[in-house]
Amino acid sequence: MGTVSISALSGLNSISFPRDYNPFVIFNKAGVLTACSTRSGSFRFHGAQRHSKLRTFSVGSLSPTASFRTQVGTWEAPDDGSGSEDEEEEEEEEEEELGFQSEWEEEEGKGVPAAATDAAAAVDKSTTNKYEEDLVKEVEQLLGQEEIAILQKHAAPNIKKISTEKWNPIHTLALSGMVTFMDKLLEDGLDIDVVDKDGTTALHTAIIAKKEAVISHLLRKGASPHVRDKDGATPLHYAVHVGTKRIVKLLIKYKVDVNIADNDGWTPLHVAVQSRNRDIVKILLVNGADKSRRNKDGRTPLDLGLCYGKDFKTYDLTKLLKTVPMDREF
């Protein structure tokens, strides 16, 4: 019985083995390493474990007659352009926090008997209940008498006591993506369109933070896309301001007025031209934005674009503003 050792040399891989071993070669296809022997079958690298860009693996035989004792080595995978592990973990955490099920979880759940799933759910619920009971007992022992009295008075959230004109819990939860807790406040009777001292709703706040999942959730829950802040700006103004096309398109689907003006007479198209965002300018024009509307200073969106000077973007936006209504395939 001998030992096969594997080393990672950039894109090349080498194997050393005793003389009584049959020679074999290494293939690297689609990130999978396979060793094929000319006499004794093939071997594969298995047990891959992710760690940064390194992969650990061991060598095993696909031949029932061959027997090897394995030794762990490392292999650096090529960069495939996908997101880092940290990014994937953040996405998984966000999905979990928003109460969504990832595609991986859905795939893993397929083919599992209903009885097994129900049994697992029952065990999980029992474990959770036990943990909650133990947590309650532990925390009550940590609290003083005055703190226990406060807790006992509030079977449901007291919005007045946890809010100020600036800090409203539904705005905070929308901004942080805590949809489950946000829904709990709504179930307890909180107005989904409640405004802060600036006149903004949770929808305004979620748009500023570009929280697309939260925005969609709020709209499905009945949040109004027409509320103006103290300056007269609507959620559409904010969506154009942060430059997110998908949010702009979503709001248009909810029948917002693309020509609504704020207190200074600025329409979403004025804001889009100011931000020099060609894609959003086109979206607004195709959906009926009026390029002739003037703000309180008497300037049209085109006037604002020309004020930027003679550069490529000025000419590009000018052509767009002049031609899109006549040729929507531009």
Protein backbone atom coordinates (compact mmCIF):
# COMPACT_ATOMS: atom_id res chain seq x y z
CA MET A 1 0.00 0.00 0.00
CA GLY A 2 1.52 3.33 -1.03
CA THR A 3 0.61 6.98 -0.76
CA VAL A 4 -0.36 9.26 -3.62
CA SER A 5 0.68 12.87 -3.11
CA ILE A 6 -0.78 15.75 -5.06
CA SER A 7 0.58 19.25 -5.44
CA ALA A 8 -0.98 22.32 -7.02
CA LEU A 9 1.28 24.12 -9.46
CA SER A 10 -0.77 27.00 -10.90
CA GLY A 11 -2.73 25.41 -13.76
CA LEU A 12 -0.61 22.22 -13.72
CA ASN A 13 -0.95 19.30 -11.33
CA SER A 14 1.67 16.61 -10.65
CA ILE A 15 1.42 13.23 -8.97
CA SER A 16 4.18 11.06 -7.57
CA PHE A 17 3.60 7.34 -6.98
CA PRO A 18 5.60 4.13 -6.36
CA ARG A 19 6.88 2.08 -9.25
CA ASP A 20 4.31 -0.66 -8.82
CA TYR A 21 1.50 1.86 -9.54
CA ASN A 22 0.14 2.06 -13.05
CA PRO A 23 0.71 5.51 -14.58
CA PHE A 24 -2.20 7.84 -15.01
CA VAL A 25 -2.81 11.37 -16.17
CA ILE A 26 -4.71 14.39 -14.87
CA PHE A 27 -7.53 16.15 -16.67
CA ASN A 28 -8.92 19.51 -15.58
CA LYS A 29 -12.39 20.06 -17.06
CA ALA A 30 -14.91 22.63 -15.80
CA GLY A 31 -13.05 22.98 -12.52
CA VAL A 32 -13.10 19.18 -11.83
CA LEU A 33 -9.84 17.25 -11.64
CA THR A 34 -9.92 13.64 -12.84
CA ALA A 35 -7.01 11.18 -12.94
CA CYS A 36 -7.29 8.44 -15.54
CA SER A 37 -5.10 5.34 -15.37
CA THR A 38 -4.18 3.52 -18.55
CA ARG A 39 -4.56 0.12 -16.84
CA SER A 40 -6.38 0.35 -13.55
CA GLY A 41 -9.29 2.61 -14.29
CA SER A 42 -9.65 6.23 -13.22
CA PHE A 43 -9.47 8.28 -10.09
CA ARG A 44 -11.22 11.44 -9.09
CA PHE A 45 -10.57 14.29 -6.68
CA HIS A 46 -13.37 14.45 -4.20
CA GLY A 47 -14.25 16.00 -0.85
CA ALA A 48 -13.78 19.54 -2.17
CA GLN A 49 -14.07 22.16 0.52
CA ARG A 50 -14.28 25.88 -0.20
CA HIS A 51 -11.87 28.27 1.40
CA SER A 52 -11.17 31.57 -0.35
CA LYS A 53 -9.92 30.46 -3.79
CA LEU A 54 -8.28 27.29 -2.50
CA ARG A 55 -9.84 23.85 -2.75
CA THR A 56 -8.83 20.87 -0.65
CA PHE A 57 -9.24 17.44 -2.13
CA SER A 58 -8.30 13.82 -1.76
CA VAL A 59 -7.73 11.12 -4.33
CA GLY A 60 -9.98 8.07 -4.45
CA SER A 61 -10.24 5.19 -6.83
CA LEU A 62 -13.22 4.52 -9.03
CA SER A 63 -12.00 0.93 -9.47
CA PRO A 64 -13.30 -1.56 -6.89
CA THR A 65 -10.06 -3.57 -7.17
CA ALA A 66 -7.73 -0.70 -6.43
CA SER A 67 -7.02 0.60 -2.95
CA PHE A 68 -5.25 3.81 -2.05
CA ARG A 69 -4.48 5.66 1.11
CA THR A 70 -5.08 9.33 0.37
CA GLN A 71 -3.22 12.47 1.25
CA VAL A 72 -4.82 15.91 1.27
CA GLY A 73 -3.45 18.56 -1.06
CA THR A 74 -4.56 21.98 -2.29
CA TRP A 75 -5.69 23.30 -5.64
CA GLU A 76 -6.31 26.92 -6.58
CA ALA A 77 -9.42 27.24 -8.71
CA PRO A 78 -9.46 29.65 -11.65
CA ASP A 79 -11.41 32.88 -11.19
CA ASP A 80 -14.75 32.34 -12.95
CA GLY A 81 -15.95 35.90 -12.39
CA SER A 82 -18.57 34.89 -9.83
CA GLY A 83 -19.08 36.71 -6.54
CA SER A 84 -16.87 36.13 -3.54
CA GLU A 85 -17.89 33.90 -0.64
CA ASP A 86 -18.53 36.98 1.46
CA GLU A 87 -20.95 38.31 -1.17
CA GLU A 88 -22.74 34.95 -1.37
CA GLU A 89 -23.02 34.81 2.41
CA GLU A 90 -24.45 38.34 2.46
CA GLU A 91 -27.02 37.36 -0.19
CA GLU A 92 -28.00 34.28 1.78
CA GLU A 93 -28.31 36.33 4.95
CA GLU A 94 -30.49 38.90 3.17
CA GLU A 95 -32.73 36.19 1.70
CA GLU A 96 -33.09 34.61 5.12
CA GLU A 97 -33.85 37.95 6.76
CA LEU A 98 -36.47 38.82 4.14
CA GLY A 99 -38.08 35.44 4.54
CA PHE A 100 -37.23 34.26 1.04
CA GLN A 101 -36.11 30.76 0.08
CA SER A 102 -33.09 30.48 -2.15
CA GLU A 103 -33.00 28.32 -5.28
CA TRP A 104 -30.50 26.01 -3.59
CA GLU A 105 -32.88 25.41 -0.70
CA GLU A 106 -35.72 24.75 -3.12
CA GLU A 107 -33.62 22.19 -5.02
CA GLU A 108 -32.59 20.47 -1.79
CA GLY A 109 -36.23 20.25 -0.73
CA LYS A 110 -37.34 18.45 -3.90
CA GLY A 111 -37.95 14.74 -3.61
CA VAL A 112 -38.22 14.76 0.18
CA PRO A 113 -41.28 12.86 1.44
CA ALA A 114 -43.97 15.05 3.00
CA ALA A 115 -44.00 12.93 6.16
CA ALA A 116 -40.27 13.42 6.63
CA THR A 117 -40.61 17.16 6.05
CA ASP A 118 -43.47 17.43 8.55
CA ALA A 119 -41.56 15.43 11.13
CA ALA A 120 -38.49 17.61 10.69
CA ALA A 121 -40.63 20.76 10.99
CA ALA A 122 -42.23 19.44 14.18
CA VAL A 123 -38.84 18.72 15.71
CA ASP A 124 -37.55 22.13 14.68
CA LYS A 125 -40.61 23.87 16.16
CA SER A 126 -40.28 21.93 19.39
CA THR A 127 -36.62 22.86 19.64
CA THR A 128 -37.41 26.52 18.93
CA ASN A 129 -40.16 26.61 21.54
CA LYS A 130 -37.85 25.06 24.12
CA TYR A 131 -35.16 27.62 23.34
CA GLU A 132 -37.65 30.50 23.60
CA GLU A 133 -38.92 29.25 26.95
CA ASP A 134 -35.39 28.98 28.29
CA LEU A 135 -34.54 32.42 26.91
CA VAL A 136 -37.57 34.02 28.60
CA LYS A 137 -36.64 32.50 31.96
CA GLU A 138 -33.02 33.57 31.62
CA VAL A 139 -33.83 37.16 30.61
CA GLU A 140 -36.41 37.60 33.36
CA GLN A 141 -33.74 36.70 35.87
CA LEU A 142 -31.45 39.36 34.38
CA LEU A 143 -34.06 42.17 34.47
CA GLY A 144 -34.69 44.42 37.44
CA GLN A 145 -38.17 45.03 38.85
CA GLU A 146 -38.69 48.29 36.92
CA GLU A 147 -37.56 46.69 33.68
CA ILE A 148 -39.90 43.72 34.20
CA ALA A 149 -42.77 46.16 34.82
CA ILE A 150 -42.07 47.93 31.51
CA LEU A 151 -41.99 44.64 29.62
CA GLN A 152 -45.23 43.43 31.17
CA LYS A 153 -47.03 46.62 30.13
CA HIS A 154 -46.26 46.09 26.46
CA ALA A 155 -47.78 42.96 25.02
CA ALA A 156 -47.55 44.73 21.62
CA PRO A 157 -45.17 47.43 20.37
CA ASN A 158 -45.87 50.94 21.68
CA ILE A 159 -45.18 53.02 18.58
CA LYS A 160 -45.24 56.35 20.40
CA LYS A 161 -42.56 55.27 22.84
CA ILE A 162 -40.22 53.84 20.21
CA SER A 163 -40.57 56.71 17.72
CA THR A 164 -39.52 60.31 17.25
CA GLU A 165 -40.22 62.75 14.43
CA LYS A 166 -36.93 61.70 12.86
CA TRP A 167 -36.71 58.05 13.86
CA ASN A 168 -39.78 55.99 12.98
CA PRO A 169 -39.42 52.21 13.41
CA ILE A 170 -41.00 51.30 10.06
CA HIS A 171 -38.53 53.59 8.27
CA THR A 172 -35.64 52.06 10.19
CA LEU A 173 -36.79 48.50 9.47
CA ALA A 174 -37.36 49.27 5.79
CA LEU A 175 -33.89 50.76 5.53
CA SER A 176 -32.27 47.74 7.20
CA GLY A 177 -34.37 45.18 5.31
CA MET A 178 -36.06 43.72 8.39
CA VAL A 179 -39.27 42.80 6.57
CA THR A 180 -40.53 40.32 9.17
CA PHE A 181 -40.46 42.91 11.96
CA MET A 182 -41.86 45.57 9.63
CA ASP A 183 -44.83 43.31 8.87
CA LYS A 184 -45.39 42.77 12.58
CA LEU A 185 -45.77 46.53 13.08
CA LEU A 186 -48.22 46.68 10.19
CA GLU A 187 -50.22 43.81 11.68
CA ASP A 188 -50.39 45.79 14.92
CA GLY A 189 -52.03 48.66 13.07
CA LEU A 190 -49.17 50.96 12.06
CA ASP A 191 -49.96 53.07 8.96
CA ILE A 192 -47.75 51.88 6.12
CA ASP A 193 -47.61 55.44 4.75
CA VAL A 194 -46.71 57.16 8.04
CA VAL A 195 -44.28 60.03 7.38
CA ASP A 196 -41.29 61.34 9.32
CA LYS A 197 -40.38 64.98 9.91
CA ASP A 198 -39.20 65.26 6.30
CA GLY A 199 -42.48 63.91 4.96
CA THR A 200 -40.93 60.69 3.69
CA THR A 201 -42.57 57.29 4.00
CA ALA A 202 -40.97 53.87 4.43
CA LEU A 203 -41.22 53.54 0.63
CA HIS A 204 -39.17 56.71 0.11
CA THR A 205 -36.59 55.37 2.57
CA ALA A 206 -36.35 51.95 0.92
CA ILE A 207 -35.87 53.60 -2.48
CA ILE A 208 -33.06 55.78 -1.15
CA ALA A 209 -31.37 52.62 0.12
CA LYS A 210 -32.07 50.78 -3.18
CA LYS A 211 -33.74 47.93 -1.26
CA GLU A 212 -35.61 46.47 -4.23
CA ALA A 213 -37.06 43.50 -2.34
CA VAL A 214 -38.37 45.79 0.40
CA ILE A 215 -39.81 48.22 -2.17
CA SER A 216 -41.71 45.44 -3.93
CA HIS A 217 -42.95 44.13 -0.59
CA LEU A 218 -44.19 47.54 0.54
CA LEU A 219 -46.03 48.12 -2.74
CA ARG A 220 -47.70 44.71 -2.50
CA LYS A 221 -48.70 45.56 1.05
CA GLY A 222 -50.44 48.71 -0.19
CA ALA A 223 -47.85 51.46 0.25
CA SER A 224 -48.77 54.51 -1.84
CA PRO A 225 -46.28 55.43 -4.59
CA HIS A 226 -47.85 58.90 -4.79
CA VAL A 227 -46.95 60.39 -1.38
CA ARG A 228 -44.97 63.65 -1.56
CA ASP A 229 -42.33 64.63 0.98
CA LYS A 230 -42.14 68.16 2.43
CA ASP A 231 -40.42 69.34 -0.76
CA GLY A 232 -43.06 67.78 -2.99
CA ALA A 233 -40.82 64.92 -4.18
CA THR A 234 -42.49 61.59 -4.89
CA PRO A 235 -41.01 58.09 -4.75
CA LEU A 236 -40.43 58.37 -8.51
CA HIS A 237 -38.27 61.47 -7.99
CA TYR A 238 -36.21 59.49 -5.49
CA ALA A 239 -35.93 56.44 -7.76
CA VAL A 240 -34.64 58.63 -10.60
CA HIS A 241 -32.32 60.42 -8.18
CA VAL A 242 -30.60 57.18 -7.05
CA GLY A 243 -30.43 55.99 -10.67
CA THR A 244 -32.02 52.55 -10.40
CA LYS A 245 -33.83 51.58 -13.61
CA ARG A 246 -35.70 48.62 -12.17
CA ILE A 247 -37.21 50.72 -9.40
CA VAL A 248 -38.27 53.38 -11.91
CA LYS A 249 -39.94 50.73 -14.10
CA LEU A 250 -41.64 49.16 -11.08
CA LEU A 251 -43.14 52.47 -9.97
CA ILE A 252 -44.37 53.16 -13.51
CA LYS A 253 -46.18 49.81 -13.40
CA TYR A 254 -48.00 51.15 -10.34
CA LYS A 255 -49.35 54.01 -12.46
CA VAL A 256 -47.36 56.89 -11.01
CA ASP A 257 -47.49 60.27 -12.76
CA VAL A 258 -44.25 60.62 -14.72
CA ASN A 259 -44.85 64.37 -15.12
CA ILE A 260 -45.51 65.23 -11.48
CA ALA A 261 -43.49 68.22 -10.32
CA ASP A 262 -42.03 68.99 -6.88
CA ASN A 263 -42.30 72.36 -5.12
CA ASP A 264 -39.65 73.82 -7.43
CA GLY A 265 -41.34 72.58 -10.58
CA TRP A 266 -38.85 69.76 -11.17
CA THR A 267 -40.30 66.67 -12.82
CA PRO A 268 -38.58 63.27 -12.69
CA LEU A 269 -37.28 64.03 -16.21
CA HIS A 270 -35.53 67.17 -14.92
CA VAL A 271 -33.83 65.04 -12.27
CA ALA A 272 -32.87 62.35 -14.79
CA VAL A 273 -31.26 64.89 -17.13
CA GLN A 274 -29.47 66.53 -14.21
CA SER A 275 -28.04 63.12 -13.27
CA ARG A 276 -27.16 62.53 -16.95
CA ASN A 277 -28.66 59.07 -16.81
CA ARG A 278 -29.44 58.22 -20.43
CA ASP A 279 -31.29 54.97 -19.71
CA ILE A 280 -33.68 56.53 -17.22
CA VAL A 281 -34.25 59.57 -19.46
CA LYS A 282 -35.29 57.18 -22.24
CA ILE A 283 -37.57 55.16 -19.92
CA LEU A 284 -39.36 58.33 -18.83
CA LEU A 285 -39.73 59.67 -22.37
CA VAL A 286 -41.10 56.39 -23.70
CA ASN A 287 -43.62 56.36 -20.85
CA GLY A 288 -44.95 59.82 -21.60
CA ALA A 289 -42.63 62.28 -19.86
CA ASP A 290 -43.17 65.83 -21.17
CA LYS A 291 -39.85 67.32 -22.27
CA SER A 292 -41.41 70.76 -22.62
CA ARG A 293 -42.30 71.12 -18.95
CA ARG A 294 -40.53 74.06 -17.28
CA ASN A 295 -39.46 74.34 -13.66
CA LYS A 296 -39.88 77.49 -11.57
CA ASP A 297 -36.74 78.92 -13.14
CA GLY A 298 -38.31 78.47 -16.58
CA ARG A 299 -35.94 75.72 -17.68
CA THR A 300 -36.93 72.58 -19.55
CA PRO A 301 -35.05 69.29 -19.10
CA LEU A 302 -33.24 70.02 -22.37
CA ASP A 303 -32.15 73.42 -21.05
CA LEU A 304 -30.58 71.70 -18.04
CA GLY A 305 -28.72 69.28 -20.29
CA LEU A 306 -27.31 72.07 -22.45
CA CYS A 307 -26.07 73.90 -19.36
CA TYR A 308 -23.52 71.13 -18.81
CA GLY A 309 -21.48 72.33 -21.77
CA LYS A 310 -20.14 70.86 -24.97
CA ASP A 311 -19.24 67.29 -24.12
CA PHE A 312 -20.33 63.96 -25.57
CA LYS A 313 -22.98 63.33 -22.91
CA THR A 314 -24.61 66.69 -23.65
CA TYR A 315 -24.94 65.86 -27.34
CA ASP A 316 -26.05 62.30 -26.58
CA LEU A 317 -28.83 63.40 -24.22
CA THR A 318 -29.86 66.23 -26.56
CA LYS A 319 -30.33 63.79 -29.44
CA LEU A 320 -32.32 61.51 -27.15
CA LEU A 321 -34.61 64.32 -25.98
CA LYS A 322 -35.14 65.49 -29.55
CA THR A 323 -35.80 62.14 -31.21
CA VAL A 324 -37.32 59.59 -28.82
CA PRO A 325 -40.94 60.78 -29.09
CA MET A 326 -40.68 60.39 -32.88
CA ASP A 327 -38.68 57.15 -32.93
CA ARG A 328 -39.18 55.03 -29.85
CA GLU A 329 -36.78 52.39 -31.12
CA PHE A 330 -33.90 54.87 -30.83
